Amino acid sequence: MIDLPTPLVTTAWLAANLGRPGLKIFDASYYLPAEKRDAEAEFAAAHIPGAHRFDIDAISDPDTDLPHMVPSPFRFEKLVGALGIGNDDAVVFYDQKGVFSAPRGWWLMQLFGHTRAAVLDGGLPHWRAEGHPTESGTPRPPTPARFTARFRPALLRGIGDLRANLDDPCEQVLDARAADRFHARAPEPRPGLRGGHIPGASNLPFNELLDGTRLLPPAQLRARFAAAGIDGSCKVVTSCGSGVSAAVLTIAMVAAGLPMGALYDGSWTEWGFATDLPAAS
């Protein structure tokens, strides 16, 4: 069994372990429609050898209008098993930006009890910058595996939990969106979605935890979290626009040696469209 450093692996570690049995590599890239980039096409153009796609829109709940919401344990088992992931496998996620959407894949594995998962620090840009190989084309479908989920509800929050937290604040909500979106100074990328944030939430834009494409060192991460009022003494719920960059905050807390906390899956897309709920700016 592969000894997988978590929650992050370096490009050097991945290069040294590339091709080992039991190591599964996935490109979990995701783009907003306004970015006009095609994750599938970019994967076909260049990806880490042996990698397959982990589409966070596909590995989601199909019975909701909200984007890429958490699927049921049964659906997750079926979909990741079809990707060739078994319970004994080590799983590494990366994305085409650096550290943006790959942590969403990592968090989903944590949520369903598979702790042997990590994110490639720096993602594909850092991999390529160091001269590591890539390949092109669409790989053959992976050999299906049997995956058994062990759902961990403590890592997930829904709109009811956040609504209750307004009246009895017991968890600190930490929003990963840019400050202008958090304070309703810039429009949301989804048409018709109001601006602002959940009352009582704090703001820590996820890109402030990055040095280029990589996460900051643990001491600097702790300092950034401390400046946002997060020191490990209170429970934290991360949020963002639709539950993607919130996972950057979540993995960064683990990398900093802080408690992992939970993630609000619907995030501002769910809260902001619910006009019966208050919004602060």
Foldseek 3Di string as FASTA:
>chain_A
DDDADPAEDELVVCLVCPPPPQEAEEAAADDDVVVVDDQVQVVQAKDAPRYAYDDLQVQADPPDPAGSHHHDQVSNQVVVLQQVDALSGQYEYFYDQFPFQRLVVQVSCVQFPRNNYYYHFGGPVVNVVVPHGIHHHHDDGDDGHGYHTDGDCQQEDEPVVLVVCVVPPQEAEEEQEDPCQQQQVDDDPDPPFGGHFAPRHFYDHLCVQDDRSGGDQLVVLCVSCVVRVDNQPGAYEYAYQAFRRSSSNQRSCVNNVHDNHHYHHRHSVVVRVPVVHDGHD
